[in-house]
Amino acid sequence: MPSTLHVDPITGVSTDGYATAVYTTSATENYRCRVVTKQELVTDLFGEQQVSNTVVWLKATSTFSASDQFSVGGSTLGPVLRVEHYPDDDGQHHSKIWFG
């Protein structure tokens, strides 16, 4: 897997009146991944069909929040549309995340 996915967990929202997401960089997690750039119609987290522009495959047993900030190669990826986890005989093995 040639790329690295950086995940900055959300810690809350700002209190300046704009309610923008606040992320922590002290708990950043890095995962080896494969990034595929292609348009694909997927059903998002809310049950609606959306067009995904990027799919990331990663070998990870972690769970991710759709509110976390994801980046690859210094570029922040779009919103999380869908997350799937694929198990093998030993449990969770790979995750696949679609971004808008």
N, C-alpha and C. Protein backbone atom coordinates (compact mmCIF):
# COMPACT_ATOMS: atom_id res chain seq x y z
N MET A 1 0.85 -1.17 0.00
CA MET A 1 0.00 0.00 0.00
C MET A 1 0.89 1.23 0.00
N PRO A 2 0.86 1.99 -1.07
CA PRO A 2 1.86 3.02 -1.30
C PRO A 2 1.63 4.38 -0.63
N SER A 3 0.45 4.65 -0.08
CA SER A 3 0.17 5.97 0.49
C SER A 3 -0.04 5.87 2.00
N THR A 4 -0.12 7.04 2.64
CA THR A 4 -0.38 7.10 4.08
C THR A 4 -1.59 7.98 4.32
N LEU A 5 -2.57 7.44 5.03
CA LEU A 5 -3.76 8.19 5.41
C LEU A 5 -3.54 8.75 6.81
N HIS A 6 -3.71 10.06 6.96
CA HIS A 6 -3.59 10.73 8.25
C HIS A 6 -5.00 11.00 8.77
N VAL A 7 -5.28 10.59 10.00
CA VAL A 7 -6.59 10.79 10.60
C VAL A 7 -6.43 11.67 11.83
N ASP A 8 -7.05 12.86 11.78
CA ASP A 8 -7.07 13.77 12.92
C ASP A 8 -8.44 13.68 13.57
N PRO A 9 -8.54 13.13 14.78
CA PRO A 9 -9.84 12.98 15.43
C PRO A 9 -10.47 14.33 15.78
N ILE A 10 -11.79 14.39 15.67
CA ILE A 10 -12.51 15.60 16.05
C ILE A 10 -12.55 15.67 17.57
N THR A 11 -12.36 16.87 18.13
CA THR A 11 -12.41 17.03 19.58
C THR A 11 -13.63 17.82 20.02
N GLY A 12 -14.30 18.46 19.08
CA GLY A 12 -15.48 19.25 19.42
C GLY A 12 -15.72 20.30 18.36
N VAL A 13 -16.49 21.30 18.71
CA VAL A 13 -16.77 22.40 17.79
C VAL A 13 -16.32 23.70 18.43
N SER A 14 -16.01 24.67 17.58
CA SER A 14 -15.53 25.95 18.09
C SER A 14 -16.65 26.68 18.82
N THR A 15 -16.27 27.57 19.71
CA THR A 15 -17.24 28.34 20.48
C THR A 15 -17.29 29.79 20.02
N ASP A 16 -16.80 30.05 18.81
CA ASP A 16 -16.77 31.43 18.31
C ASP A 16 -18.06 31.83 17.61
N GLY A 17 -19.07 30.97 17.66
CA GLY A 17 -20.35 31.29 17.03
C GLY A 17 -20.52 30.66 15.67
N TYR A 18 -19.45 30.11 15.08
CA TYR A 18 -19.53 29.50 13.76
C TYR A 18 -19.67 27.99 13.81
N ALA A 19 -19.45 27.39 14.96
CA ALA A 19 -19.58 25.95 15.18
C ALA A 19 -18.80 25.13 14.16
N THR A 20 -17.57 25.54 13.89
CA THR A 20 -16.71 24.77 13.00
C THR A 20 -16.02 23.66 13.79
N ALA A 21 -15.71 22.59 13.11
CA ALA A 21 -15.08 21.44 13.77
C ALA A 21 -13.67 21.79 14.24
N VAL A 22 -13.30 21.25 15.40
CA VAL A 22 -11.96 21.42 15.95
C VAL A 22 -11.33 20.03 16.02
N TYR A 23 -10.11 19.91 15.46
CA TYR A 23 -9.42 18.63 15.39
C TYR A 23 -8.15 18.69 16.23
N THR A 24 -7.73 17.55 16.75
CA THR A 24 -6.47 17.48 17.48
C THR A 24 -5.41 16.87 16.56
N THR A 25 -4.23 17.45 16.59
CA THR A 25 -3.13 16.87 15.83
C THR A 25 -2.21 16.07 16.73
N SER A 26 -2.44 16.14 18.06
CA SER A 26 -1.60 15.38 18.98
C SER A 26 -1.98 13.90 18.98
N ALA A 27 -3.18 13.57 18.50
CA ALA A 27 -3.63 12.18 18.47
C ALA A 27 -3.75 11.66 17.03
N THR A 28 -3.03 12.30 16.10
CA THR A 28 -3.09 11.89 14.71
C THR A 28 -2.65 10.44 14.56
N GLU A 29 -3.44 9.68 13.80
CA GLU A 29 -3.10 8.30 13.52
C GLU A 29 -2.77 8.19 12.04
N ASN A 30 -1.77 7.40 11.71
CA ASN A 30 -1.34 7.21 10.33
C ASN A 30 -1.53 5.75 9.93
N TYR A 31 -2.06 5.54 8.74
CA TYR A 31 -2.31 4.19 8.24
C TYR A 31 -1.80 4.07 6.82
N ARG A 32 -1.17 2.96 6.50
CA ARG A 32 -0.79 2.68 5.11
C ARG A 32 -2.07 2.40 4.35
N CYS A 33 -2.17 2.94 3.14
CA CYS A 33 -3.42 2.79 2.41
C CYS A 33 -3.18 2.80 0.90
N ARG A 34 -4.22 2.47 0.19
CA ARG A 34 -4.25 2.56 -1.27
C ARG A 34 -5.36 3.52 -1.63
N VAL A 35 -5.03 4.55 -2.40
CA VAL A 35 -6.00 5.56 -2.79
C VAL A 35 -6.38 5.34 -4.25
N VAL A 36 -7.67 5.25 -4.51
CA VAL A 36 -8.17 5.09 -5.87
C VAL A 36 -9.06 6.29 -6.18
N THR A 37 -8.69 7.04 -7.22
CA THR A 37 -9.48 8.18 -7.63
C THR A 37 -10.38 7.77 -8.79
N LYS A 38 -11.67 7.65 -8.50
CA LYS A 38 -12.64 7.32 -9.52
C LYS A 38 -14.01 7.71 -9.01
N GLN A 39 -14.89 8.03 -9.94
CA GLN A 39 -16.25 8.37 -9.56
C GLN A 39 -17.07 7.10 -9.45
N GLU A 40 -17.80 6.99 -8.34
CA GLU A 40 -18.60 5.81 -8.08
C GLU A 40 -19.85 6.24 -7.32
N LEU A 41 -20.99 5.72 -7.70
CA LEU A 41 -22.24 6.01 -7.02
C LEU A 41 -22.35 5.11 -5.79
N VAL A 42 -22.48 5.72 -4.60
CA VAL A 42 -22.58 4.96 -3.36
C VAL A 42 -23.76 5.46 -2.53
N THR A 43 -24.21 4.63 -1.64
CA THR A 43 -25.22 5.05 -0.67
C THR A 43 -24.48 5.57 0.55
N ASP A 44 -24.74 6.83 0.93
CA ASP A 44 -23.97 7.45 2.00
C ASP A 44 -24.48 7.03 3.38
N LEU A 45 -23.92 7.64 4.42
CA LEU A 45 -24.25 7.30 5.80
C LEU A 45 -25.69 7.61 6.16
N PHE A 46 -26.36 8.45 5.35
CA PHE A 46 -27.74 8.84 5.61
C PHE A 46 -28.73 8.12 4.71
N GLY A 47 -28.24 7.16 3.89
CA GLY A 47 -29.11 6.38 3.02
C GLY A 47 -29.41 7.03 1.68
N GLU A 48 -28.72 8.11 1.34
CA GLU A 48 -28.93 8.79 0.07
C GLU A 48 -27.80 8.46 -0.89
N GLN A 49 -28.09 8.46 -2.18
CA GLN A 49 -27.06 8.17 -3.18
C GLN A 49 -26.24 9.42 -3.46
N GLN A 50 -24.92 9.24 -3.43
CA GLN A 50 -23.96 10.31 -3.67
C GLN A 50 -22.88 9.80 -4.61
N VAL A 51 -22.19 10.73 -5.27
CA VAL A 51 -21.07 10.35 -6.12
C VAL A 51 -19.78 10.51 -5.32
N SER A 52 -19.06 9.40 -5.18
CA SER A 52 -17.78 9.41 -4.50
C SER A 52 -16.69 9.69 -5.52
N ASN A 53 -15.71 10.52 -5.13
CA ASN A 53 -14.58 10.84 -6.01
C ASN A 53 -13.32 10.07 -5.65
N THR A 54 -13.23 9.62 -4.40
CA THR A 54 -12.03 8.95 -3.91
C THR A 54 -12.42 7.77 -3.03
N VAL A 55 -11.73 6.64 -3.22
CA VAL A 55 -11.92 5.47 -2.37
C VAL A 55 -10.56 5.13 -1.75
N VAL A 56 -10.55 4.92 -0.44
CA VAL A 56 -9.32 4.58 0.26
C VAL A 56 -9.49 3.20 0.89
N TRP A 57 -8.55 2.31 0.55
CA TRP A 57 -8.48 0.98 1.17
C TRP A 57 -7.36 1.02 2.19
N LEU A 58 -7.62 0.53 3.40
CA LEU A 58 -6.56 0.51 4.39
C LEU A 58 -6.67 -0.72 5.28
N LYS A 59 -5.51 -1.18 5.71
CA LYS A 59 -5.48 -2.31 6.63
C LYS A 59 -5.46 -1.71 8.03
N ALA A 60 -6.63 -1.73 8.65
CA ALA A 60 -6.76 -1.14 9.98
C ALA A 60 -7.91 -1.79 10.71
N THR A 61 -7.76 -1.90 12.01
CA THR A 61 -8.82 -2.45 12.84
C THR A 61 -9.50 -1.36 13.65
N SER A 62 -9.14 -0.10 13.38
CA SER A 62 -9.71 1.02 14.10
C SER A 62 -11.09 1.38 13.55
N THR A 63 -11.85 2.04 14.38
CA THR A 63 -13.11 2.60 13.91
C THR A 63 -12.88 4.09 13.69
N PHE A 64 -13.59 4.65 12.75
CA PHE A 64 -13.41 6.05 12.40
C PHE A 64 -14.73 6.79 12.56
N SER A 65 -14.65 8.05 12.92
CA SER A 65 -15.84 8.88 12.97
C SER A 65 -15.94 9.61 11.63
N ALA A 66 -17.15 9.74 11.13
CA ALA A 66 -17.36 10.48 9.88
C ALA A 66 -16.97 11.94 10.06
N SER A 67 -16.86 12.39 11.30
CA SER A 67 -16.49 13.78 11.58
C SER A 67 -14.99 14.00 11.67
N ASP A 68 -14.20 12.92 11.68
CA ASP A 68 -12.74 13.07 11.72
C ASP A 68 -12.24 13.70 10.44
N GLN A 69 -11.04 14.27 10.49
CA GLN A 69 -10.43 14.88 9.31
C GLN A 69 -9.43 13.90 8.71
N PHE A 70 -9.57 13.61 7.43
CA PHE A 70 -8.73 12.64 6.73
C PHE A 70 -7.90 13.37 5.68
N SER A 71 -6.62 13.01 5.57
CA SER A 71 -5.79 13.60 4.54
C SER A 71 -4.78 12.58 4.03
N VAL A 72 -4.40 12.75 2.77
CA VAL A 72 -3.39 11.90 2.12
C VAL A 72 -2.45 12.83 1.38
N GLY A 73 -1.16 12.69 1.65
CA GLY A 73 -0.17 13.50 0.95
C GLY A 73 -0.34 14.99 1.15
N GLY A 74 -0.84 15.40 2.32
CA GLY A 74 -1.03 16.81 2.62
C GLY A 74 -2.33 17.40 2.11
N SER A 75 -3.13 16.64 1.39
CA SER A 75 -4.41 17.11 0.87
C SER A 75 -5.55 16.51 1.69
N THR A 76 -6.41 17.39 2.20
CA THR A 76 -7.56 16.93 2.97
C THR A 76 -8.59 16.35 2.02
N LEU A 77 -9.10 15.17 2.38
CA LEU A 77 -10.11 14.51 1.56
C LEU A 77 -11.48 15.07 1.88
N GLY A 78 -12.42 14.88 0.94
CA GLY A 78 -13.78 15.38 1.11
C GLY A 78 -14.52 14.67 2.22
N PRO A 79 -15.79 14.95 2.37
CA PRO A 79 -16.56 14.33 3.45
C PRO A 79 -16.66 12.82 3.29
N VAL A 80 -16.74 12.11 4.40
CA VAL A 80 -16.91 10.66 4.40
C VAL A 80 -18.33 10.35 3.96
N LEU A 81 -18.44 9.53 2.92
CA LEU A 81 -19.76 9.13 2.44
C LEU A 81 -20.16 7.77 2.98
N ARG A 82 -19.20 6.86 3.10
CA ARG A 82 -19.51 5.49 3.51
C ARG A 82 -18.25 4.82 4.04
N VAL A 83 -18.41 3.93 5.00
CA VAL A 83 -17.30 3.15 5.55
C VAL A 83 -17.74 1.69 5.61
N GLU A 84 -16.90 0.79 5.13
CA GLU A 84 -17.16 -0.64 5.24
C GLU A 84 -15.93 -1.31 5.83
N HIS A 85 -16.17 -2.34 6.64
CA HIS A 85 -15.08 -3.11 7.24
C HIS A 85 -15.19 -4.54 6.74
N TYR A 86 -14.06 -5.12 6.36
CA TYR A 86 -14.02 -6.47 5.82
C TYR A 86 -13.24 -7.38 6.76
N PRO A 87 -13.87 -8.43 7.29
CA PRO A 87 -13.19 -9.34 8.20
C PRO A 87 -12.54 -10.51 7.47
N ASP A 88 -11.64 -11.18 8.17
CA ASP A 88 -11.13 -12.48 7.73
C ASP A 88 -11.33 -13.44 8.90
N ASP A 89 -10.68 -14.56 8.91
CA ASP A 89 -10.88 -15.55 9.97
C ASP A 89 -10.47 -15.06 11.36
N ASP A 90 -9.59 -14.06 11.40
CA ASP A 90 -9.11 -13.55 12.68
C ASP A 90 -9.84 -12.29 13.15
N GLY A 91 -10.82 -11.81 12.39
CA GLY A 91 -11.54 -10.60 12.76
C GLY A 91 -11.41 -9.55 11.67
N GLN A 92 -11.59 -8.29 12.08
CA GLN A 92 -11.53 -7.21 11.10
C GLN A 92 -10.16 -7.13 10.45
N HIS A 93 -10.15 -6.96 9.13
CA HIS A 93 -8.89 -6.99 8.41
C HIS A 93 -8.66 -5.71 7.62
N HIS A 94 -9.59 -5.33 6.77
CA HIS A 94 -9.44 -4.12 5.95
C HIS A 94 -10.66 -3.22 6.12
N SER A 95 -10.46 -1.94 5.84
CA SER A 95 -11.55 -0.98 5.80
C SER A 95 -11.53 -0.29 4.44
N LYS A 96 -12.70 0.10 4.00
CA LYS A 96 -12.83 0.82 2.73
C LYS A 96 -13.67 2.07 3.04
N ILE A 97 -13.12 3.24 2.69
CA ILE A 97 -13.79 4.50 2.97
C ILE A 97 -13.99 5.26 1.67
N TRP A 98 -15.21 5.69 1.42
CA TRP A 98 -15.54 6.50 0.24
C TRP A 98 -15.64 7.95 0.66
N PHE A 99 -15.03 8.84 -0.13
CA PHE A 99 -15.06 10.28 0.15
C PHE A 99 -15.73 11.02 -1.00
N GLY A 100 -16.44 12.09 -0.67
CA GLY A 100 -17.13 12.91 -1.67
C GLY A 100 -16.22 13.90 -2.33
